[in-house]
C-alpha cells in the first residue's frame, strides 16, 4: 500500500535524505513501512522498519546522521532518481478491532510524513 507519494524529483540532480519520519496512531501494529526510490523502471529500498508494539506516534526511518535500516550516516538516493514513495506492507492489526483494511488504516490512522532531501553536485576531476 502506498502511504504517501510518489514525490517526483529532477533526475539530473543528486539527492541525499537528511530526515524521513511519519506519523501513525500508536494502536497500529504488525506492518513494515519503507522509503523507496525509483529511477526509470527500477525501485530500490532506502530505509524501512517493522512497527511492533509500543512504537512512538512519530516514527523515524532516517534522522540526521543515521539511517536506522543500514546504520549508515548518509542516505543517498540513486543517480538519476525520478522520485520517492512511502510504502507499507504486512497484515495490519489495530488494537481493539477485529480487522482493518489498508484503506481504513491510511484514511484514519496515518497522519503524514516529513521528508527532507539535500541536493548536491558530484565533484568531477
PDB file of N, CA and C in Angstrom:
ATOM      1  N   UNK A   1       0.850  -1.172   0.000  1.00  0.00           N
ATOM      2  CA  UNK A   1       0.000   0.000   0.000  1.00  0.00           C
ATOM      3  C   UNK A   1       0.895   1.234   0.000  1.00  0.00           C
ATOM      4  N   UNK A   2       0.640   2.149  -0.916  1.00  0.00           N
ATOM      5  CA  UNK A   2       1.368   3.420  -0.923  1.00  0.00           C
ATOM      6  C   UNK A   2       0.736   4.322   0.129  1.00  0.00           C
ATOM      7  N   UNK A   3       1.526   4.682   1.137  1.00  0.00           N
ATOM      8  CA  UNK A   3       1.044   5.586   2.182  1.00  0.00           C
ATOM      9  C   UNK A   3       1.169   7.039   1.756  1.00  0.00           C
ATOM     10  N   UNK A   4       2.259   7.383   1.063  1.00  0.00           N
ATOM     11  CA  UNK A   4       2.481   8.764   0.668  1.00  0.00           C
ATOM     12  C   UNK A   4       3.335   8.808  -0.591  1.00  0.00           C
ATOM     13  N   UNK A   5       3.025   9.767  -1.443  1.00  0.00           N
ATOM     14  CA  UNK A   5       3.774   9.919  -2.677  1.00  0.00           C
ATOM     15  C   UNK A   5       3.038   9.244  -3.820  1.00  0.00           C
ATOM     16  N   UNK A   6       3.675   9.101  -4.931  1.00  0.00           N
ATOM     17  CA  UNK A   6       5.091   9.375  -5.167  1.00  0.00           C
ATOM     18  C   UNK A   6       5.375  10.872  -5.280  1.00  0.00           C
ATOM     19  N   UNK A   7       6.598  11.225  -4.898  1.00  0.00           N
ATOM     20  CA  UNK A   7       7.079  12.587  -4.987  1.00  0.00           C
ATOM     21  C   UNK A   7       8.129  12.616  -6.091  1.00  0.00           C
ATOM     22  N   UNK A   8       7.877  13.423  -7.111  1.00  0.00           N
ATOM     23  CA  UNK A   8       8.777  13.481  -8.255  1.00  0.00           C
ATOM     24  C   UNK A   8      10.011  14.316  -7.940  1.00  0.00           C
ATOM     25  N   UNK A   9      11.146  13.863  -8.489  1.00  0.00           N
ATOM     26  CA  UNK A   9      12.423  14.559  -8.330  1.00  0.00           C
ATOM     27  C   UNK A   9      13.026  14.816  -9.706  1.00  0.00           C
ATOM     28  N   UNK A  10      13.934  15.771  -9.767  1.00  0.00           N
ATOM     29  CA  UNK A  10      14.647  16.062 -11.001  1.00  0.00           C
ATOM     30  C   UNK A  10      15.767  15.023 -11.157  1.00  0.00           C
ATOM     31  N   UNK A  11      15.678  14.135 -12.152  1.00  0.00           N
ATOM     32  CA  UNK A  11      16.686  13.073 -12.272  1.00  0.00           C
ATOM     33  C   UNK A  11      18.083  13.566 -12.657  1.00  0.00           C
ATOM     34  N   UNK A  12      18.203  14.834 -13.057  1.00  0.00           N
ATOM     35  CA  UNK A  12      19.529  15.359 -13.390  1.00  0.00           C
ATOM     36  C   UNK A  12      20.299  15.793 -12.147  1.00  0.00           C
ATOM     37  N   UNK A  13      19.648  15.807 -10.999  1.00  0.00           N
ATOM     38  CA  UNK A  13      20.279  16.223  -9.739  1.00  0.00           C
ATOM     39  C   UNK A  13      20.547  15.001  -8.862  1.00  0.00           C
ATOM     40  N   UNK A  14      21.456  15.170  -7.909  1.00  0.00           N
ATOM     41  CA  UNK A  14      21.746  14.118  -6.921  1.00  0.00           C
ATOM     42  C   UNK A  14      21.145  14.536  -5.591  1.00  0.00           C
ATOM     43  N   UNK A  15      20.638  13.541  -4.820  1.00  0.00           N
ATOM     44  CA  UNK A  15      19.964  13.815  -3.547  1.00  0.00           C
ATOM     45  C   UNK A  15      20.447  12.857  -2.466  1.00  0.00           C
ATOM     46  N   UNK A  16      20.435  13.358  -1.247  1.00  0.00           N
ATOM     47  CA  UNK A  16      20.566  12.508  -0.071  1.00  0.00           C
ATOM     48  C   UNK A  16      19.376  12.816   0.837  1.00  0.00           C
ATOM     49  N   UNK A  17      19.017  11.850   1.670  1.00  0.00           N
ATOM     50  CA  UNK A  17      17.891  12.021   2.592  1.00  0.00           C
ATOM     51  C   UNK A  17      18.459  12.433   3.943  1.00  0.00           C
ATOM     52  N   UNK A  18      18.095  13.621   4.398  1.00  0.00           N
ATOM     53  CA  UNK A  18      18.555  14.093   5.708  1.00  0.00           C
ATOM     54  C   UNK A  18      17.611  13.652   6.828  1.00  0.00           C
ATOM     55  N   UNK A  19      16.308  13.572   6.521  1.00  0.00           N
ATOM     56  CA  UNK A  19      15.317  13.239   7.537  1.00  0.00           C
ATOM     57  C   UNK A  19      14.119  12.602   6.859  1.00  0.00           C
ATOM     58  N   UNK A  20      13.604  11.544   7.442  1.00  0.00           N
ATOM     59  CA  UNK A  20      12.372  10.929   6.956  1.00  0.00           C
ATOM     60  C   UNK A  20      11.653  10.329   8.144  1.00  0.00           C
ATOM     61  N   UNK A  21      10.459  10.851   8.424  1.00  0.00           N
ATOM     62  CA  UNK A  21       9.643  10.316   9.514  1.00  0.00           C
ATOM     63  C   UNK A  21       8.191  10.365   9.078  1.00  0.00           C
ATOM     64  N   UNK A  22       7.356   9.631   9.795  1.00  0.00           N
ATOM     65  CA  UNK A  22       5.925   9.647   9.514  1.00  0.00           C
ATOM     66  C   UNK A  22       5.163   9.531  10.821  1.00  0.00           C
ATOM     67  N   UNK A  23       3.907   9.964  10.787  1.00  0.00           N
ATOM     68  CA  UNK A  23       3.051   9.916  11.972  1.00  0.00           C
ATOM     69  C   UNK A  23       1.955   8.892  11.737  1.00  0.00           C
ATOM     70  N   UNK A  24       1.785   8.025  12.717  1.00  0.00           N
ATOM     71  CA  UNK A  24       0.781   6.967  12.639  1.00  0.00           C
ATOM     72  C   UNK A  24       0.279   6.692  14.056  1.00  0.00           C
ATOM     73  N   UNK A  25      -1.009   6.356  14.173  1.00  0.00           N
ATOM     74  CA  UNK A  25      -1.555   6.063  15.504  1.00  0.00           C
ATOM     75  C   UNK A  25      -0.783   4.932  16.163  1.00  0.00           C
ATOM     76  N   UNK A  26      -0.609   5.031  17.480  1.00  0.00           N
ATOM     77  CA  UNK A  26       0.174   4.044  18.220  1.00  0.00           C
ATOM     78  C   UNK A  26      -0.506   2.679  18.304  1.00  0.00           C
ATOM     79  N   UNK A  27      -1.807   2.603  17.990  1.00  0.00           N
ATOM     80  CA  UNK A  27      -2.510   1.330  18.094  1.00  0.00           C
ATOM     81  C   UNK A  27      -2.251   0.417  16.893  1.00  0.00           C
ATOM     82  N   UNK A  28      -1.581   0.893  15.854  1.00  0.00           N
ATOM     83  CA  UNK A  28      -1.295   0.083  14.659  1.00  0.00           C
ATOM     84  C   UNK A  28      -0.064  -0.772  14.926  1.00  0.00           C
ATOM     85  N   UNK A  29      -0.159  -2.043  14.534  1.00  0.00           N
ATOM     86  CA  UNK A  29       0.949  -2.984  14.738  1.00  0.00           C
ATOM     87  C   UNK A  29       1.062  -3.907  13.534  1.00  0.00           C
ATOM     88  N   UNK A  30       2.170  -4.635  13.502  1.00  0.00           N
ATOM     89  CA  UNK A  30       2.404  -5.730  12.556  1.00  0.00           C
ATOM     90  C   UNK A  30       2.506  -5.292  11.098  1.00  0.00           C
ATOM     91  N   UNK A  31       3.043  -4.104  10.862  1.00  0.00           N
ATOM     92  CA  UNK A  31       3.290  -3.693   9.485  1.00  0.00           C
ATOM     93  C   UNK A  31       4.728  -3.201   9.359  1.00  0.00           C
ATOM     94  N   UNK A  32       5.227  -3.258   8.150  1.00  0.00           N
ATOM     95  CA  UNK A  32       6.520  -2.665   7.829  1.00  0.00           C
ATOM     96  C   UNK A  32       6.260  -1.443   6.967  1.00  0.00           C
ATOM     97  N   UNK A  33       7.102  -0.436   7.133  1.00  0.00           N
ATOM     98  CA  UNK A  33       6.981   0.800   6.373  1.00  0.00           C
ATOM     99  C   UNK A  33       8.366   1.141   5.850  1.00  0.00           C
ATOM    100  N   UNK A  34       8.432   1.509   4.566  1.00  0.00           N
ATOM    101  CA  UNK A  34       9.726   1.809   3.983  1.00  0.00           C
ATOM    102  C   UNK A  34       9.684   2.941   2.986  1.00  0.00           C
ATOM    103  N   UNK A  35      10.826   3.614   2.857  1.00  0.00           N
ATOM    104  CA  UNK A  35      11.019   4.648   1.854  1.00  0.00           C
ATOM    105  C   UNK A  35      11.728   4.011   0.672  1.00  0.00           C
ATOM    106  N   UNK A  36      11.133   4.171  -0.505  1.00  0.00           N
ATOM    107  CA  UNK A  36      11.687   3.599  -1.720  1.00  0.00           C
ATOM    108  C   UNK A  36      11.949   4.704  -2.730  1.00  0.00           C
ATOM    109  N   UNK A  37      13.022   4.549  -3.498  1.00  0.00           N
ATOM    110  CA  UNK A  37      13.362   5.486  -4.571  1.00  0.00           C
ATOM    111  C   UNK A  37      13.226   4.748  -5.892  1.00  0.00           C
ATOM    112  N   UNK A  38      12.771   5.465  -6.889  1.00  0.00           N
ATOM    113  CA  UNK A  38      12.682   4.834  -8.205  1.00  0.00           C
ATOM    114  C   UNK A  38      13.460   5.654  -9.224  1.00  0.00           C
ATOM    115  N   UNK A  39      14.021   4.938 -10.171  1.00  0.00           N
ATOM    116  CA  UNK A  39      14.770   5.548 -11.263  1.00  0.00           C
ATOM    117  C   UNK A  39      14.528   4.694 -12.492  1.00  0.00           C
ATOM    118  N   UNK A  40      13.826   5.313 -13.458  1.00  0.00           N
ATOM    119  CA  UNK A  40      13.404   4.546 -14.625  1.00  0.00           C
ATOM    120  C   UNK A  40      12.479   3.421 -14.188  1.00  0.00           C
ATOM    121  N   UNK A  41      12.702   2.199 -14.690  1.00  0.00           N
ATOM    122  CA  UNK A  41      11.840   1.072 -14.321  1.00  0.00           C
ATOM    123  C   UNK A  41      12.258   0.374 -13.018  1.00  0.00           C
ATOM    124  N   UNK A  42      13.267   0.893 -12.323  1.00  0.00           N
ATOM    125  CA  UNK A  42      13.825   0.232 -11.148  1.00  0.00           C
ATOM    126  C   UNK A  42      13.386   0.917  -9.856  1.00  0.00           C
ATOM    127  N   UNK A  43      13.289   0.121  -8.798  1.00  0.00           N
ATOM    128  CA  UNK A  43      12.939   0.626  -7.472  1.00  0.00           C
ATOM    129  C   UNK A  43      13.947   0.060  -6.479  1.00  0.00           C
ATOM    130  N   UNK A  44      14.404   0.893  -5.545  1.00  0.00           N
ATOM    131  CA  UNK A  44      15.350   0.449  -4.525  1.00  0.00           C
ATOM    132  C   UNK A  44      14.882   0.940  -3.155  1.00  0.00           C
ATOM    133  N   UNK A  45      15.051   0.090  -2.150  1.00  0.00           N
ATOM    134  CA  UNK A  45      14.677   0.449  -0.779  1.00  0.00           C
ATOM    135  C   UNK A  45      15.775   1.302  -0.162  1.00  0.00           C
ATOM    136  N   UNK A  46      15.385   2.443   0.392  1.00  0.00           N
ATOM    137  CA  UNK A  46      16.335   3.336   1.045  1.00  0.00           C
ATOM    138  C   UNK A  46      16.375   3.056   2.547  1.00  0.00           C
ATOM    139  N   UNK A  47      15.216   2.865   3.161  1.00  0.00           N
ATOM    140  CA  UNK A  47      15.134   2.561   4.587  1.00  0.00           C
ATOM    141  C   UNK A  47      13.775   1.941   4.884  1.00  0.00           C
ATOM    142  N   UNK A  48      13.690   1.164   5.965  1.00  0.00           N
ATOM    143  CA  UNK A  48      12.415   0.552   6.362  1.00  0.00           C
ATOM    144  C   UNK A  48      12.506   0.103   7.807  1.00  0.00           C
ATOM    145  N   UNK A  49      11.332  -0.146   8.396  1.00  0.00           N
ATOM    146  CA  UNK A  49      11.289  -0.739   9.728  1.00  0.00           C
ATOM    147  C   UNK A  49       9.943  -1.413   9.961  1.00  0.00           C
ATOM    148  N   UNK A  50       9.919  -2.277  10.955  1.00  0.00           N
ATOM    149  CA  UNK A  50       8.719  -3.010  11.348  1.00  0.00           C
ATOM    150  C   UNK A  50       8.106  -2.305  12.547  1.00  0.00           C
ATOM    151  N   UNK A  51       6.789  -2.065  12.496  1.00  0.00           N
ATOM    152  CA  UNK A  51       6.090  -1.464  13.635  1.00  0.00           C
ATOM    153  C   UNK A  51       5.507  -2.572  14.490  1.00  0.00           C
ATOM    154  N   UNK A  52       6.089  -2.778  15.633  1.00  0.00           N
ATOM    155  CA  UNK A  52       5.582  -3.748  16.590  1.00  0.00           C
ATOM    156  C   UNK A  52       4.749  -3.040  17.650  1.00  0.00           C
ATOM    157  N   UNK A  53       4.761  -3.577  18.836  1.00  0.00           N
ATOM    158  CA  UNK A  53       4.017  -2.966  19.943  1.00  0.00           C
ATOM    159  C   UNK A  53       4.775  -1.767  20.487  1.00  0.00           C
ATOM    160  N   UNK A  54       4.017  -0.831  21.046  1.00  0.00           N
ATOM    161  CA  UNK A  54       4.560   0.310  21.777  1.00  0.00           C
ATOM    162  C   UNK A  54       5.508   1.190  20.966  1.00  0.00           C
ATOM    163  N   UNK A  55       5.199   1.436  19.708  1.00  0.00           N
ATOM    164  CA  UNK A  55       6.020   2.358  18.927  1.00  0.00           C
ATOM    165  C   UNK A  55       5.543   3.786  19.187  1.00  0.00           C
ATOM    166  N   UNK A  56       6.380   4.732  18.831  1.00  0.00           N
ATOM    167  CA  UNK A  56       6.048   6.148  19.023  1.00  0.00           C
ATOM    168  C   UNK A  56       5.005   6.581  17.993  1.00  0.00           C
ATOM    169  N   UNK A  57       4.351   7.702  18.253  1.00  0.00           N
ATOM    170  CA  UNK A  57       3.383   8.228  17.295  1.00  0.00           C
ATOM    171  C   UNK A  57       4.097   8.782  16.061  1.00  0.00           C
ATOM    172  N   UNK A  58       5.258   9.410  16.262  1.00  0.00           N
ATOM    173  CA  UNK A  58       6.086   9.824  15.131  1.00  0.00           C
ATOM    174  C   UNK A  58       7.257   8.862  15.033  1.00  0.00           C
ATOM    175  N   UNK A  59       7.358   8.173  13.913  1.00  0.00           N
ATOM    176  CA  UNK A  59       8.360   7.134  13.706  1.00  0.00           C
ATOM    177  C   UNK A  59       9.381   7.633  12.693  1.00  0.00           C
ATOM    178  N   UNK A  60      10.659   7.549  13.035  1.00  0.00           N
ATOM    179  CA  UNK A  60      11.726   7.995  12.136  1.00  0.00           C
ATOM    180  C   UNK A  60      12.401   6.806  11.477  1.00  0.00           C
ATOM    181  N   UNK A  61      12.543   6.875  10.161  1.00  0.00           N
ATOM    182  CA  UNK A  61      13.349   5.900   9.426  1.00  0.00           C
ATOM    183  C   UNK A  61      14.770   6.412   9.271  1.00  0.00           C
ATOM    184  N   UNK A  62      14.874   7.738   9.079  1.00  0.00           N
ATOM    185  CA  UNK A  62      16.174   8.379   8.904  1.00  0.00           C
ATOM    186  C   UNK A  62      16.170   9.675   9.707  1.00  0.00           C
ATOM    187  N   UNK A  63      17.195   9.841  10.524  1.00  0.00           N
ATOM    188  CA  UNK A  63      17.425  11.097  11.242  1.00  0.00           C
ATOM    189  C   UNK A  63      18.776  11.627  10.796  1.00  0.00           C
ATOM    190  N   UNK A  64      19.045  12.915  11.022  1.00  0.00           N
ATOM    191  CA  UNK A  64      20.365  13.422  10.620  1.00  0.00           C
ATOM    192  C   UNK A  64      21.483  12.579  11.224  1.00  0.00           C
ATOM    193  N   UNK A  65      22.285  12.009  10.360  1.00  0.00           N
ATOM    194  CA  UNK A  65      23.428  11.224  10.818  1.00  0.00           C
ATOM    195  C   UNK A  65      23.192   9.735  10.938  1.00  0.00           C
ATOM    196  N   UNK A  66      21.946   9.232  10.738  1.00  0.00           N
ATOM    197  CA  UNK A  66      21.752   7.781  10.842  1.00  0.00           C
ATOM    198  C   UNK A  66      20.511   7.329  10.066  1.00  0.00           C
ATOM    199  N   UNK A  67      20.699   6.269   9.293  1.00  0.00           N
ATOM    200  CA  UNK A  67      19.623   5.543   8.629  1.00  0.00           C
ATOM    201  C   UNK A  67      19.408   4.310   9.498  1.00  0.00           C
ATOM    202  N   UNK A  68      18.229   4.152  10.093  1.00  0.00           N
ATOM    203  CA  UNK A  68      18.019   3.093  11.075  1.00  0.00           C
ATOM    204  C   UNK A  68      17.968   1.689  10.468  1.00  0.00           C
ATOM    205  N   UNK A  69      17.883   1.580   9.138  1.00  0.00           N
ATOM    206  CA  UNK A  69      17.954   0.269   8.494  1.00  0.00           C
ATOM    207  C   UNK A  69      19.399  -0.130   8.258  1.00  0.00           C
ATOM    208  N   UNK A  70      20.169   0.765   7.658  1.00  0.00           N
ATOM    209  CA  UNK A  70      21.537   0.431   7.258  1.00  0.00           C
ATOM    210  C   UNK A  70      22.587   0.855   8.280  1.00  0.00           C
ATOM    211  N   UNK A  71      22.205   1.722   9.210  1.00  0.00           N
ATOM    212  CA  UNK A  71      23.107   2.306  10.206  1.00  0.00           C
ATOM    213  C   UNK A  71      24.208   3.148   9.549  1.00  0.00           C
ATOM    214  N   UNK A  72      23.978   3.573   8.321  1.00  0.00           N
ATOM    215  CA  UNK A  72      24.919   4.464   7.642  1.00  0.00           C
ATOM    216  C   UNK A  72      24.608   5.911   8.010  1.00  0.00           C
ATOM    217  N   UNK A  73      25.619   6.765   7.919  1.00  0.00           N
ATOM    218  CA  UNK A  73      25.416   8.161   8.296  1.00  0.00           C
ATOM    219  C   UNK A  73      24.842   8.995   7.152  1.00  0.00           C
ATOM    220  N   UNK A  74      24.968   8.522   5.907  1.00  0.00           N
ATOM    221  CA  UNK A  74      24.430   9.245   4.757  1.00  0.00           C
ATOM    222  C   UNK A  74      23.509   8.310   3.987  1.00  0.00           C
ATOM    223  N   UNK A  75      22.319   8.795   3.657  1.00  0.00           N
ATOM    224  CA  UNK A  75      21.345   8.001   2.898  1.00  0.00           C
ATOM    225  C   UNK A  75      21.208   8.607   1.509  1.00  0.00           C
ATOM    226  N   UNK A  76      21.968   8.069   0.573  1.00  0.00           N
ATOM    227  CA  UNK A  76      21.992   8.588  -0.790  1.00  0.00           C
ATOM    228  C   UNK A  76      20.844   7.995  -1.599  1.00  0.00           C
ATOM    229  N   UNK A  77      20.257   8.822  -2.454  1.00  0.00           N
ATOM    230  CA  UNK A  77      19.326   8.313  -3.445  1.00  0.00           C
ATOM    231  C   UNK A  77      20.142   7.949  -4.685  1.00  0.00           C
ATOM    232  N   UNK A  78      19.690   6.974  -5.459  1.00  0.00           N
ATOM    233  CA  UNK A  78      20.481   6.531  -6.605  1.00  0.00           C
ATOM    234  C   UNK A  78      20.592   7.617  -7.677  1.00  0.00           C
ATOM    235  N   UNK A  79      21.653   7.569  -8.477  1.00  0.00           N
ATOM    236  CA  UNK A  79      21.776   8.523  -9.583  1.00  0.00           C
ATOM    237  C   UNK A  79      20.555   8.427 -10.500  1.00  0.00           C
ATOM    238  N   UNK A  80      20.158   9.549 -11.053  1.00  0.00           N
ATOM    239  CA  UNK A  80      19.018   9.660 -11.962  1.00  0.00           C
ATOM    240  C   UNK A  80      17.704   9.247 -11.301  1.00  0.00           C
ATOM    241  N   UNK A  81      17.598   9.504 -10.003  1.00  0.00           N
ATOM    242  CA  UNK A  81      16.385   9.172  -9.247  1.00  0.00           C
ATOM    243  C   UNK A  81      15.232  10.062  -9.701  1.00  0.00           C
ATOM    244  N   UNK A  82      14.113   9.435 -10.093  1.00  0.00           N
ATOM    245  CA  UNK A  82      12.920  10.153 -10.557  1.00  0.00           C
ATOM    246  C   UNK A  82      12.010  10.579  -9.417  1.00  0.00           C
ATOM    247  N   UNK A  83      12.064   9.847  -8.273  1.00  0.00           N
ATOM    248  CA  UNK A  83      11.166  10.164  -7.168  1.00  0.00           C
ATOM    249  C   UNK A  83      11.264   9.173  -6.036  1.00  0.00           C
ATOM    250  N   UNK A  84      10.490   9.446  -4.991  1.00  0.00           N
ATOM    251  CA  UNK A  84      10.441   8.579  -3.814  1.00  0.00           C
ATOM    252  C   UNK A  84       8.988   8.340  -3.433  1.00  0.00           C
ATOM    253  N   UNK A  85       8.782   7.254  -2.683  1.00  0.00           N
ATOM    254  CA  UNK A  85       7.439   6.879  -2.260  1.00  0.00           C
ATOM    255  C   UNK A  85       7.540   6.163  -0.907  1.00  0.00           C
ATOM    256  N   UNK A  86       6.547   6.367  -0.044  1.00  0.00           N
ATOM    257  CA  UNK A  86       6.472   5.683   1.251  1.00  0.00           C
ATOM    258  C   UNK A  86       5.484   4.531   1.102  1.00  0.00           C
ATOM    259  N   UNK A  87       5.945   3.316   1.373  1.00  0.00           N
ATOM    260  CA  UNK A  87       5.155   2.105   1.157  1.00  0.00           C
ATOM    261  C   UNK A  87       5.024   1.336   2.469  1.00  0.00           C
ATOM    262  N   UNK A  88       3.847   0.740   2.678  1.00  0.00           N
ATOM    263  CA  UNK A  88       3.621  -0.130   3.847  1.00  0.00           C
ATOM    264  C   UNK A  88       3.202  -1.507   3.349  1.00  0.00           C
ATOM    265  N   UNK A  89       3.602  -2.539   4.094  1.00  0.00           N
ATOM    266  CA  UNK A  89       3.211  -3.899   3.743  1.00  0.00           C
ATOM    267  C   UNK A  89       3.088  -4.732   5.006  1.00  0.00           C
ATOM    268  N   UNK A  90       2.449  -5.869   4.889  1.00  0.00           N
ATOM    269  CA  UNK A  90       2.211  -6.761   6.022  1.00  0.00           C
ATOM    270  C   UNK A  90       0.724  -6.954   6.242  1.00  0.00           C
ATOM    271  N   UNK A  91       0.379  -7.471   7.392  1.00  0.00           N
ATOM    272  CA  UNK A  91      -1.018  -7.660   7.765  1.00  0.00           C
ATOM    273  C   UNK A  91      -1.327  -6.730   8.932  1.00  0.00           C
ATOM    274  N   UNK A  92      -1.917  -5.570   8.652  1.00  0.00           N
ATOM    275  CA  UNK A  92      -2.116  -4.586   9.717  1.00  0.00           C
ATOM    276  C   UNK A  92      -3.049  -5.081  10.812  1.00  0.00           C
ATOM    277  N   UNK A  93      -2.695  -4.723  12.017  1.00  0.00           N
ATOM    278  CA  UNK A  93      -3.509  -5.034  13.186  1.00  0.00           C
ATOM    279  C   UNK A  93      -3.691  -3.740  13.959  1.00  0.00           C
ATOM    280  N   UNK A  94      -4.913  -3.443  14.296  1.00  0.00           N
ATOM    281  CA  UNK A  94      -5.215  -2.257  15.104  1.00  0.00           C
ATOM    282  C   UNK A  94      -5.827  -2.723  16.413  1.00  0.00           C
ATOM    283  N   UNK A  95      -5.210  -2.316  17.518  1.00  0.00           N
ATOM    284  CA  UNK A  95      -5.678  -2.709  18.832  1.00  0.00           C
ATOM    285  C   UNK A  95      -7.157  -2.368  18.985  1.00  0.00           C
ATOM    286  N   UNK A  96      -7.946  -3.338  19.405  1.00  0.00           N
ATOM    287  CA  UNK A  96      -9.361  -3.125  19.657  1.00  0.00           C
ATOM    288  C   UNK A  96     -10.272  -3.392  18.470  1.00  0.00           C
ATOM    289  N   UNK A  97      -9.707  -3.731  17.305  1.00  0.00           N
ATOM    290  CA  UNK A  97     -10.522  -4.038  16.124  1.00  0.00           C
ATOM    291  C   UNK A  97     -10.252  -5.470  15.684  1.00  0.00           C
ATOM    292  N   UNK A  98     -11.302  -6.126  15.189  1.00  0.00           N
ATOM    293  CA  UNK A  98     -11.124  -7.486  14.679  1.00  0.00           C
ATOM    294  C   UNK A  98     -10.302  -7.502  13.398  1.00  0.00           C
ATOM    295  N   UNK A  99     -10.570  -6.553  12.511  1.00  0.00           N
ATOM    296  CA  UNK A  99      -9.802  -6.472  11.271  1.00  0.00           C
ATOM    297  C   UNK A  99      -9.816  -5.031  10.770  1.00  0.00           C
ATOM    298  N   UNK A 100      -8.849  -4.726   9.930  1.00  0.00           N
ATOM    299  CA  UNK A 100      -8.744  -3.390   9.347  1.00  0.00           C
ATOM    300  C   UNK A 100      -8.196  -3.541   7.931  1.00  0.00           C
ATOM    301  N   UNK A 101      -8.726  -2.756   7.015  1.00  0.00           N
ATOM    302  CA  UNK A 101      -8.210  -2.772   5.652  1.00  0.00           C
ATOM    303  C   UNK A 101      -7.124  -1.711   5.520  1.00  0.00           C
ATOM    304  N   UNK A 102      -6.307  -1.837   4.482  1.00  0.00           N
ATOM    305  CA  UNK A 102      -5.281  -0.836   4.241  1.00  0.00           C
ATOM    306  C   UNK A 102      -5.892   0.528   3.989  1.00  0.00           C
ATOM    307  N   UNK A 103      -7.031   0.553   3.295  1.00  0.00           N
ATOM    308  CA  UNK A 103      -7.691   1.827   3.004  1.00  0.00           C
ATOM    309  C   UNK A 103      -8.155   2.508   4.287  1.00  0.00           C
ATOM    310  N   UNK A 104      -8.730   1.729   5.219  1.00  0.00           N
ATOM    311  CA  UNK A 104      -9.161   2.278   6.513  1.00  0.00           C
ATOM    312  C   UNK A 104      -7.958   2.801   7.295  1.00  0.00           C
ATOM    313  N   UNK A 105      -6.894   2.027   7.298  1.00  0.00           N
ATOM    314  CA  UNK A 105      -5.686   2.413   8.030  1.00  0.00           C
ATOM    315  C   UNK A 105      -5.140   3.729   7.484  1.00  0.00           C
ATOM    316  N   UNK A 106      -5.036   3.834   6.168  1.00  0.00           N
ATOM    317  CA  UNK A 106      -4.486   5.048   5.564  1.00  0.00           C
ATOM    318  C   UNK A 106      -5.375   6.261   5.843  1.00  0.00           C
ATOM    319  N   UNK A 107      -6.682   6.079   5.764  1.00  0.00           N
ATOM    320  CA  UNK A 107      -7.595   7.195   5.942  1.00  0.00           C
ATOM    321  C   UNK A 107      -7.700   7.674   7.388  1.00  0.00           C
ATOM    322  N   UNK A 108      -7.718   6.748   8.339  1.00  0.00           N
ATOM    323  CA  UNK A 108      -7.992   7.161   9.722  1.00  0.00           C
ATOM    324  C   UNK A 108      -6.774   7.144  10.649  1.00  0.00           C
ATOM    325  N   UNK A 109      -5.740   6.363  10.336  1.00  0.00           N
ATOM    326  CA  UNK A 109      -4.647   6.183  11.288  1.00  0.00           C
ATOM    327  C   UNK A 109      -3.296   6.722  10.830  1.00  0.00           C
ATOM    328  N   UNK A 110      -3.156   7.021   9.540  1.00  0.00           N
ATOM    329  CA  UNK A 110      -1.913   7.581   9.005  1.00  0.00           C
ATOM    330  C   UNK A 110      -2.052   9.096   8.953  1.00  0.00           C
ATOM    331  N   UNK A 111      -1.024   9.821   9.445  1.00  0.00           N
ATOM    332  CA  UNK A 111      -1.126  11.273   9.582  1.00  0.00           C
ATOM    333  C   UNK A 111      -0.019  12.046   8.871  1.00  0.00           C
ATOM    334  N   UNK A 112       0.573  11.471   7.846  1.00  0.00           N
ATOM    335  CA  UNK A 112       1.534  12.204   7.031  1.00  0.00           C
ATOM    336  C   UNK A 112       2.978  11.914   7.353  1.00  0.00           C
ATOM    337  N   UNK A 113       3.851  12.433   6.476  1.00  0.00           N
ATOM    338  CA  UNK A 113       5.285  12.195   6.624  1.00  0.00           C
ATOM    339  C   UNK A 113       6.065  13.493   6.491  1.00  0.00           C
ATOM    340  N   UNK A 114       7.300  13.462   7.027  1.00  0.00           N
ATOM    341  CA  UNK A 114       8.273  14.539   6.841  1.00  0.00           C
ATOM    342  C   UNK A 114       9.406  13.954   6.009  1.00  0.00           C
ATOM    343  N   UNK A 115       9.769  14.651   4.976  1.00  0.00           N
ATOM    344  CA  UNK A 115      10.872  14.217   4.118  1.00  0.00           C
ATOM    345  C   UNK A 115      11.738  15.427   3.822  1.00  0.00           C
ATOM    346  N   UNK A 116      13.003  15.368   4.225  1.00  0.00           N
ATOM    347  CA  UNK A 116      13.949  16.446   3.970  1.00  0.00           C
ATOM    348  C   UNK A 116      15.073  15.880   3.112  1.00  0.00           C
ATOM    349  N   UNK A 117      15.168  16.403   1.893  1.00  0.00           N
ATOM    350  CA  UNK A 117      16.208  15.981   0.964  1.00  0.00           C
ATOM    351  C   UNK A 117      17.262  17.069   0.834  1.00  0.00           C
ATOM    352  N   UNK A 118      18.480  16.648   0.555  1.00  0.00           N
ATOM    353  CA  UNK A 118      19.582  17.567   0.326  1.00  0.00           C
ATOM    354  C   UNK A 118      20.069  17.362  -1.101  1.00  0.00           C
ATOM    355  N   UNK A 119      20.086  18.431  -1.896  1.00  0.00           N
ATOM    356  CA  UNK A 119      20.626  18.357  -3.244  1.00  0.00           C
ATOM    357  C   UNK A 119      22.114  18.615  -3.184  1.00  0.00           C
ATOM    358  N   UNK A 120      22.856  17.919  -4.022  1.00  0.00           N
ATOM    359  CA  UNK A 120      24.291  18.171  -4.081  1.00  0.00           C
ATOM    360  C   UNK A 120      24.785  17.888  -5.491  1.00  0.00           C
ATOM    361  N   UNK A 121      25.973  18.364  -5.772  1.00  0.00           N
ATOM    362  CA  UNK A 121      26.613  18.107  -7.053  1.00  0.00           C
ATOM    363  C   UNK A 121      27.823  17.230  -6.806  1.00  0.00           C
ATOM    364  N   UNK A 122      28.011  16.267  -7.695  1.00  0.00           N
ATOM    365  CA  UNK A 122      29.184  15.413  -7.578  1.00  0.00           C
ATOM    366  C   UNK A 122      30.394  16.164  -8.093  1.00  0.00           C
ATOM    367  N   UNK A 123      31.522  15.968  -7.447  1.00  0.00           N
ATOM    368  CA  UNK A 123      32.758  16.573  -7.903  1.00  0.00           C
ATOM    369  C   UNK A 123      33.309  15.765  -9.077  1.00  0.00           C
ATOM    370  N   UNK A 124      33.693  16.439 -10.112  1.00  0.00           N
ATOM    371  CA  UNK A 124      34.290  15.757 -11.252  1.00  0.00           C
ATOM    372  C   UNK A 124      35.759  16.166 -11.339  1.00  0.00           C
ATOM    373  N   UNK A 125      36.561  15.245 -11.778  1.00  0.00           N
ATOM    374  CA  UNK A 125      38.004  15.538 -11.863  1.00  0.00           C
ATOM    375  C   UNK A 125      38.365  16.027 -13.227  1.00  0.00           C
TER     376      UNK A 125
END
